[in-house]
Amino acid sequence: MKKSAFTLVEMLIVIAVFGTGILTVLYGIAQTLGNQDKTNVQITSSFLAREGIELMYNLRDSNYRKKLPWNCIFTSIDPANLNADNICEVGQGFTGGSIFKIAIDPDKYLTVEKIDEDIKERDFDKKFEEFQLYYHTGPYYNSRSNWPPIPEGFRYSHEENDHPLRFARYIILKSVMDGETELPQDKILKIESHVLYKK
């Protein structure tokens, strides 16, 4: 009577093939998860950068609507006091070479802070610490009684009282040059929105 069985060599070959297949699958899963994380970072960074640019345009357009100087900067934009005499402080206008951190504040609409130092002098960690964004979500209420409450919502700010993100953002305004000639700044400025990511 004949009996068939697997030899040791055959078993080792099967284990090797099976192990290689498992490792290949695990490597593919790891690659997919890594790519997904990278994609999420890129999407969030693009959103934050675009939001920063839109906030600067919104600031400029609000100045036009309120018949204020186009480059007026409010330390804290309070819609109820936009017509105050001292709303546009001396030296607070945005011009080519200006650096800002700008965020959304439910009480004041926007919080804008002008940075005087040269951003290039700071290393990554210093820039990240100064411009780090915090994520606010859930119910919150505006302090003004004539503003409707916002039951749920989210915003990004620089306030250190909520969940810190791994992102930081700052805005640089630059003059636009035509060769060696600087174009009038009341007509056009180049807006750079920088987003930093820290693992």
Protein backbone atom coordinates (compact mmCIF):
# COMPACT_ATOMS: atom_id res chain seq x y z
CA MET A 1 0.00 0.00 0.00
CA LYS A 2 1.32 3.40 -1.07
CA LYS A 3 1.16 6.40 1.30
CA SER A 4 1.66 10.01 0.13
CA ALA A 5 3.06 12.72 2.41
CA PHE A 6 4.77 16.10 2.32
CA THR A 7 8.50 16.13 2.67
CA LEU A 8 10.26 18.63 4.91
CA VAL A 9 11.57 20.48 1.86
CA GLU A 10 8.06 20.85 0.45
CA MET A 11 6.78 22.19 3.77
CA LEU A 12 9.60 24.75 3.93
CA ILE A 13 8.81 25.92 0.39
CA VAL A 14 5.12 26.32 1.25
CA ILE A 15 5.97 28.29 4.42
CA ALA A 16 8.39 30.54 2.50
CA VAL A 17 5.84 31.28 -0.24
CA PHE A 18 3.07 31.87 2.30
CA GLY A 19 5.32 34.12 4.43
CA THR A 20 6.38 36.16 1.40
CA GLY A 21 2.75 36.68 0.46
CA ILE A 22 1.85 37.82 3.98
CA LEU A 23 4.80 40.24 4.12
CA THR A 24 3.85 41.68 0.73
CA VAL A 25 0.28 42.28 1.86
CA LEU A 26 1.43 43.88 5.15
CA TYR A 27 3.89 46.11 3.29
CA GLY A 28 1.13 47.21 0.92
CA ILE A 29 -1.17 48.06 3.85
CA ALA A 30 1.61 50.06 5.55
CA GLN A 31 2.30 51.97 2.33
CA THR A 32 -1.39 52.73 1.86
CA LEU A 33 -1.76 54.03 5.42
CA GLY A 34 1.37 56.16 5.02
CA ASN A 35 0.13 57.63 1.75
CA GLN A 36 -3.29 58.30 3.28
CA ASP A 37 -1.70 60.21 6.19
CA LYS A 38 0.44 62.21 3.77
CA THR A 39 -2.63 63.02 1.64
CA ASN A 40 -4.59 64.14 4.71
CA VAL A 41 -1.74 66.46 5.72
CA GLN A 42 -1.56 67.95 2.22
CA ILE A 43 -5.33 68.48 2.06
CA THR A 44 -5.44 70.15 5.49
CA SER A 45 -2.40 72.29 4.66
CA SER A 46 -3.99 73.44 1.40
CA PHE A 47 -7.22 74.29 3.23
CA LEU A 48 -5.40 76.31 5.91
CA ALA A 49 -3.25 78.12 3.35
CA ARG A 50 -6.26 79.01 1.19
CA GLU A 51 -8.22 80.13 4.25
CA GLY A 52 -5.39 82.50 5.20
CA ILE A 53 -5.44 84.10 1.75
CA GLU A 54 -9.24 84.43 1.81
CA LEU A 55 -9.10 86.07 5.25
CA MET A 56 -6.70 88.72 3.92
CA TYR A 57 -8.95 89.39 0.91
CA ASN A 58 -11.93 89.57 3.24
CA LEU A 59 -10.09 92.09 5.39
CA ARG A 60 -9.33 94.28 2.38
CA ASP A 61 -12.88 94.05 1.01
CA SER A 62 -14.33 94.92 4.42
CA ASN A 63 -12.19 98.06 4.42
CA TYR A 64 -13.62 99.08 1.05
CA ARG A 65 -17.19 98.49 2.21
CA LYS A 66 -16.67 100.54 5.36
CA LYS A 67 -14.95 103.36 3.39
CA LEU A 68 -11.77 102.87 5.40
CA PRO A 69 -8.23 102.87 4.00
CA TRP A 70 -7.85 99.74 1.89
CA ASN A 71 -4.82 98.54 3.89
CA CYS A 72 -6.26 99.20 7.35
CA ILE A 73 -5.47 96.54 9.96
CA PHE A 74 -7.49 96.02 13.10
CA THR A 75 -5.73 94.45 16.03
CA SER A 76 -9.08 92.91 16.85
CA ILE A 77 -11.80 93.37 14.28
CA ASP A 78 -15.01 94.27 16.06
CA PRO A 79 -17.89 94.71 13.56
CA ALA A 80 -19.78 96.91 16.03
CA ASN A 81 -16.98 99.50 16.11
CA LEU A 82 -15.68 99.58 12.55
CA ASN A 83 -16.44 103.30 12.23
CA ALA A 84 -14.49 104.36 15.32
CA ASP A 85 -12.02 107.22 14.77
CA ASN A 86 -9.02 105.26 16.01
CA ILE A 87 -9.87 102.02 14.23
CA CYS A 88 -6.91 102.30 11.87
CA GLU A 89 -3.84 102.66 14.04
CA VAL A 90 -0.70 104.34 12.72
CA GLY A 91 1.74 101.75 11.41
CA GLN A 92 -0.91 99.04 11.31
CA GLY A 93 -1.52 99.11 7.55
CA PHE A 94 -0.55 96.10 5.51
CA THR A 95 2.13 96.75 2.91
CA GLY A 96 4.70 94.78 0.99
CA GLY A 97 6.98 93.01 3.44
CA SER A 98 4.32 92.71 6.16
CA ILE A 99 4.04 89.47 8.12
CA PHE A 100 0.89 88.46 10.00
CA LYS A 101 -0.73 85.79 12.03
CA ILE A 102 -4.45 85.84 11.40
CA ALA A 103 -7.24 83.69 12.82
CA ILE A 104 -11.01 83.54 13.27
CA ASP A 105 -12.46 84.79 16.53
CA PRO A 106 -16.20 84.31 17.20
CA ASP A 107 -16.36 87.50 19.30
CA LYS A 108 -14.41 89.80 16.98
CA TYR A 109 -14.72 88.10 13.59
CA LEU A 110 -10.98 88.15 12.95
CA THR A 111 -7.89 88.48 15.08
CA VAL A 112 -4.97 89.97 13.18
CA GLU A 113 -1.48 90.50 14.57
CA LYS A 114 1.31 92.12 12.63
CA ILE A 115 4.79 90.64 13.12
CA ASP A 116 7.68 93.06 12.77
CA GLU A 117 10.64 90.69 12.93
CA ASP A 118 12.11 89.08 9.85
CA ILE A 119 10.57 85.61 9.66
CA LYS A 120 13.71 84.22 8.04
CA GLU A 121 15.67 84.71 11.25
CA ARG A 122 13.64 82.08 13.08
CA ASP A 123 14.15 78.36 12.83
CA PHE A 124 11.29 75.94 12.22
CA ASP A 125 10.53 75.26 15.90
CA LYS A 126 10.37 78.98 16.75
CA LYS A 127 8.05 79.69 13.83
CA PHE A 128 5.86 76.72 14.68
CA GLU A 129 5.57 77.75 18.34
CA GLU A 130 4.65 81.34 17.53
CA PHE A 131 2.18 80.62 14.74
CA GLN A 132 0.71 77.32 15.96
CA LEU A 133 -3.01 76.90 15.37
CA TYR A 134 -5.51 75.58 17.88
CA TYR A 135 -8.67 73.80 16.86
CA HIS A 136 -11.91 74.88 18.53
CA THR A 137 -15.13 72.95 18.09
CA GLY A 138 -18.45 72.28 19.76
CA PRO A 139 -20.93 74.76 21.22
CA TYR A 140 -19.83 78.32 21.92
CA TYR A 141 -21.61 81.63 22.22
CA ASN A 142 -20.77 85.12 21.11
CA SER A 143 -20.40 87.60 23.93
CA ARG A 144 -22.61 90.19 22.22
CA SER A 145 -26.26 89.83 23.08
CA ASN A 146 -27.42 90.94 19.64
CA TRP A 147 -25.43 88.19 17.92
CA PRO A 148 -27.19 84.83 17.57
CA PRO A 149 -25.62 81.91 19.44
CA ILE A 150 -23.75 79.35 17.38
CA PRO A 151 -24.74 75.90 18.68
CA GLU A 152 -22.03 73.95 16.88
CA GLY A 153 -19.07 75.02 14.85
CA PHE A 154 -15.31 74.97 14.48
CA ARG A 155 -12.56 77.49 13.93
CA TYR A 156 -8.80 77.81 14.01
CA SER A 157 -7.11 80.37 16.23
CA HIS A 158 -3.81 81.03 17.99
CA GLU A 159 -5.40 80.95 21.46
CA GLU A 160 -3.89 78.32 23.74
CA ASN A 161 -7.14 77.17 25.30
CA ASP A 162 -8.19 74.25 23.14
CA HIS A 163 -6.78 71.34 21.16
CA PRO A 164 -3.37 72.13 19.64
CA LEU A 165 -2.96 71.07 16.04
CA ARG A 166 0.17 69.92 14.31
CA PHE A 167 -0.19 72.92 12.00
CA ALA A 168 0.96 76.54 12.14
CA ARG A 169 0.22 79.35 9.68
CA TYR A 170 1.55 82.80 8.87
CA ILE A 171 0.88 85.24 6.05
CA ILE A 172 3.46 87.31 4.16
CA LEU A 173 2.49 90.20 1.90
CA LYS A 174 4.99 91.13 -0.78
CA SER A 175 5.18 93.91 -3.31
CA VAL A 176 4.80 92.89 -6.93
CA MET A 177 7.74 93.85 -9.11
CA ASP A 178 7.75 94.67 -12.82
CA GLY A 179 11.41 94.14 -13.55
CA GLU A 180 13.08 96.50 -11.07
CA THR A 181 9.98 98.67 -10.69
CA GLU A 182 7.67 98.13 -7.72
CA LEU A 183 4.02 98.28 -8.74
CA PRO A 184 1.70 100.55 -6.69
CA GLN A 185 0.78 98.72 -3.50
CA ASP A 186 -2.74 100.14 -3.48
CA LYS A 187 -3.47 98.13 -6.61
CA ILE A 188 -1.91 94.73 -6.02
CA LEU A 189 0.04 92.81 -3.41
CA LYS A 190 1.32 89.26 -3.53
CA ILE A 191 -0.11 87.14 -0.71
CA GLU A 192 1.90 84.18 0.55
CA SER A 193 0.16 81.83 2.98
CA HIS A 194 2.64 79.52 4.70
CA VAL A 195 1.54 76.40 6.58
CA LEU A 196 3.93 74.46 8.78
CA TYR A 197 3.41 70.83 9.77
CA LYS A 198 4.99 69.09 12.70
CA LYS A 199 4.78 65.33 13.33
